[in-house]
Amino acid sequence: MPTVAAMQPKPTILCGDGQILNNDAELATLKSCELMCVFLTPQWMKNTPWPDFAWKIVKAWPGVVEQVEKARAATVFRLGAGSALKCESVSLVSQL
């Protein structure tokens, strides 16, 4: 993560492992890197066949970009896999 955080402009991380937020070492790394992170809900990883995953992530992407661009500081988002495919802000990274 530190290598990715050094890139300019800073990229946004898309991750299927929301358990990072429950692991002290990984959470500390996330905080120190100050990256935007979009975590896929567990539904994406457990119940979504790859063909459905592909079209859903493409369909959801404009909403993800919109939310990330609105954020003024490093923020954690959650992207649901339900019918709405909604990207929601969870917390500022600094407040985790």
C-alpha atoms as a PDB file:
ATOM      1  CA  MET A   1       0.000   0.000   0.000  1.00  0.00           C
ATOM      2  CA  PRO A   2       2.750   2.548   0.725  1.00  0.00           C
ATOM      3  CA  THR A   3       4.062   2.113  -2.831  1.00  0.00           C
ATOM      4  CA  VAL A   4       0.607   2.691  -4.268  1.00  0.00           C
ATOM      5  CA  ALA A   5       0.044   5.686  -1.962  1.00  0.00           C
ATOM      6  CA  ALA A   6       3.209   7.308  -3.336  1.00  0.00           C
ATOM      7  CA  MET A   7       1.726   7.415  -6.847  1.00  0.00           C
ATOM      8  CA  GLN A   8       0.519  10.750  -8.163  1.00  0.00           C
ATOM      9  CA  PRO A   9      -2.319  11.234  -8.458  1.00  0.00           C
ATOM     10  CA  LYS A  10      -3.178   8.855  -5.645  1.00  0.00           C
ATOM     11  CA  PRO A  11      -5.244   5.942  -6.935  1.00  0.00           C
ATOM     12  CA  THR A  12      -8.416   4.634  -5.366  1.00  0.00           C
ATOM     13  CA  ILE A  13      -8.249   1.093  -4.041  1.00  0.00           C
ATOM     14  CA  LEU A  14     -11.060  -1.319  -4.961  1.00  0.00           C
ATOM     15  CA  CYS A  15     -11.044  -4.285  -2.590  1.00  0.00           C
ATOM     16  CA  GLY A  16     -13.161  -7.349  -1.929  1.00  0.00           C
ATOM     17  CA  ASP A  17     -11.775  -7.875   1.585  1.00  0.00           C
ATOM     18  CA  GLY A  18     -13.597  -5.622   4.035  1.00  0.00           C
ATOM     19  CA  GLN A  19     -11.956  -7.511   6.902  1.00  0.00           C
ATOM     20  CA  ILE A  20      -9.002  -5.146   6.462  1.00  0.00           C
ATOM     21  CA  LEU A  21     -11.001  -2.763   8.622  1.00  0.00           C
ATOM     22  CA  ASN A  22     -10.981  -5.334  11.458  1.00  0.00           C
ATOM     23  CA  ASN A  23      -7.246  -6.087  11.374  1.00  0.00           C
ATOM     24  CA  ASP A  24      -5.185  -3.641  13.440  1.00  0.00           C
ATOM     25  CA  ALA A  25      -2.019  -3.892  11.323  1.00  0.00           C
ATOM     26  CA  GLU A  26      -3.853  -3.538   8.001  1.00  0.00           C
ATOM     27  CA  LEU A  27      -5.983  -0.711   9.361  1.00  0.00           C
ATOM     28  CA  ALA A  28      -2.882   1.154  10.562  1.00  0.00           C
ATOM     29  CA  THR A  29      -1.367   0.813   7.083  1.00  0.00           C
ATOM     30  CA  LEU A  30      -4.568   2.079   5.472  1.00  0.00           C
ATOM     31  CA  LYS A  31      -4.626   5.104   7.788  1.00  0.00           C
ATOM     32  CA  SER A  32      -0.972   5.952   7.157  1.00  0.00           C
ATOM     33  CA  CYS A  33      -1.437   5.786   3.373  1.00  0.00           C
ATOM     34  CA  GLU A  34      -4.524   8.035   3.288  1.00  0.00           C
ATOM     35  CA  LEU A  35      -6.012   6.345   0.227  1.00  0.00           C
ATOM     36  CA  MET A  36      -9.590   6.300  -0.971  1.00  0.00           C
ATOM     37  CA  CYS A  37     -10.877   2.744  -0.603  1.00  0.00           C
ATOM     38  CA  VAL A  38     -13.978   1.144  -2.028  1.00  0.00           C
ATOM     39  CA  PHE A  39     -14.820  -2.145  -0.357  1.00  0.00           C
ATOM     40  CA  LEU A  40     -17.146  -4.550  -2.088  1.00  0.00           C
ATOM     41  CA  THR A  41     -19.786  -5.996   0.224  1.00  0.00           C
ATOM     42  CA  PRO A  42     -19.410  -9.730   0.961  1.00  0.00           C
ATOM     43  CA  GLN A  43     -22.295 -10.420  -1.428  1.00  0.00           C
ATOM     44  CA  TRP A  44     -19.975  -9.557  -4.351  1.00  0.00           C
ATOM     45  CA  MET A  45     -17.401 -12.144  -3.408  1.00  0.00           C
ATOM     46  CA  LYS A  46     -19.663 -14.969  -2.185  1.00  0.00           C
ATOM     47  CA  ASN A  47     -22.768 -14.962  -4.325  1.00  0.00           C
ATOM     48  CA  THR A  48     -21.943 -13.305  -7.634  1.00  0.00           C
ATOM     49  CA  PRO A  49     -20.931 -15.457 -10.627  1.00  0.00           C
ATOM     50  CA  TRP A  50     -18.121 -13.872 -12.651  1.00  0.00           C
ATOM     51  CA  PRO A  51     -20.265 -12.926 -15.674  1.00  0.00           C
ATOM     52  CA  ASP A  52     -22.682 -11.092 -13.362  1.00  0.00           C
ATOM     53  CA  PHE A  53     -19.791  -9.571 -11.411  1.00  0.00           C
ATOM     54  CA  ALA A  54     -18.385  -8.100 -14.624  1.00  0.00           C
ATOM     55  CA  TRP A  55     -21.534  -6.351 -15.831  1.00  0.00           C
ATOM     56  CA  LYS A  56     -22.480  -5.189 -12.333  1.00  0.00           C
ATOM     57  CA  ILE A  57     -19.095  -3.595 -11.617  1.00  0.00           C
ATOM     58  CA  VAL A  58     -19.175  -1.808 -14.993  1.00  0.00           C
ATOM     59  CA  LYS A  59     -22.722  -0.593 -14.303  1.00  0.00           C
ATOM     60  CA  ALA A  60     -21.793   0.567 -10.774  1.00  0.00           C
ATOM     61  CA  TRP A  61     -18.543   2.272 -11.774  1.00  0.00           C
ATOM     62  CA  PRO A  62     -19.943   5.742 -12.665  1.00  0.00           C
ATOM     63  CA  GLY A  63     -21.507   5.947  -9.187  1.00  0.00           C
ATOM     64  CA  VAL A  64     -18.223   4.914  -7.577  1.00  0.00           C
ATOM     65  CA  VAL A  65     -16.332   7.589  -9.500  1.00  0.00           C
ATOM     66  CA  GLU A  66     -18.934  10.210  -8.553  1.00  0.00           C
ATOM     67  CA  GLN A  67     -18.687   9.411  -4.830  1.00  0.00           C
ATOM     68  CA  VAL A  68     -14.887   9.307  -4.804  1.00  0.00           C
ATOM     69  CA  GLU A  69     -14.629  12.613  -6.663  1.00  0.00           C
ATOM     70  CA  LYS A  70     -16.960  14.280  -4.124  1.00  0.00           C
ATOM     71  CA  ALA A  71     -14.799  13.224  -1.169  1.00  0.00           C
ATOM     72  CA  ARG A  72     -12.388  15.873   0.078  1.00  0.00           C
ATOM     73  CA  ALA A  73     -10.277  13.553   2.208  1.00  0.00           C
ATOM     74  CA  ALA A  74      -9.359   9.876   2.195  1.00  0.00           C
ATOM     75  CA  THR A  75     -12.628   8.001   2.679  1.00  0.00           C
ATOM     76  CA  VAL A  76     -13.775   4.408   2.916  1.00  0.00           C
ATOM     77  CA  PHE A  77     -16.769   3.497   0.761  1.00  0.00           C
ATOM     78  CA  ARG A  78     -18.898   0.372   0.534  1.00  0.00           C
ATOM     79  CA  LEU A  79     -20.301  -0.841  -2.789  1.00  0.00           C
ATOM     80  CA  GLY A  80     -23.382  -3.030  -2.471  1.00  0.00           C
ATOM     81  CA  ALA A  81     -24.109  -5.819  -4.931  1.00  0.00           C
ATOM     82  CA  GLY A  82     -27.886  -5.612  -4.646  1.00  0.00           C
ATOM     83  CA  SER A  83     -30.186  -4.242  -7.307  1.00  0.00           C
ATOM     84  CA  ALA A  84     -29.251  -0.611  -6.500  1.00  0.00           C
ATOM     85  CA  LEU A  85     -25.456  -1.127  -6.796  1.00  0.00           C
ATOM     86  CA  LYS A  86     -25.070   1.843  -4.474  1.00  0.00           C
ATOM     87  CA  CYS A  87     -21.703   3.243  -3.393  1.00  0.00           C
ATOM     88  CA  GLU A  88     -21.947   4.695   0.113  1.00  0.00           C
ATOM     89  CA  SER A  89     -19.468   6.531   2.298  1.00  0.00           C
ATOM     90  CA  VAL A  90     -18.599   4.608   5.470  1.00  0.00           C
ATOM     91  CA  SER A  91     -16.038   6.809   7.212  1.00  0.00           C
ATOM     92  CA  LEU A  92     -13.114   9.111   6.732  1.00  0.00           C
ATOM     93  CA  VAL A  93      -9.964   6.998   6.864  1.00  0.00           C
ATOM     94  CA  SER A  94      -8.592   9.202   9.644  1.00  0.00           C
ATOM     95  CA  GLN A  95     -11.619   8.383  11.827  1.00  0.00           C
ATOM     96  CA  LEU A  96     -11.384   4.587  11.554  1.00  0.00           C
END
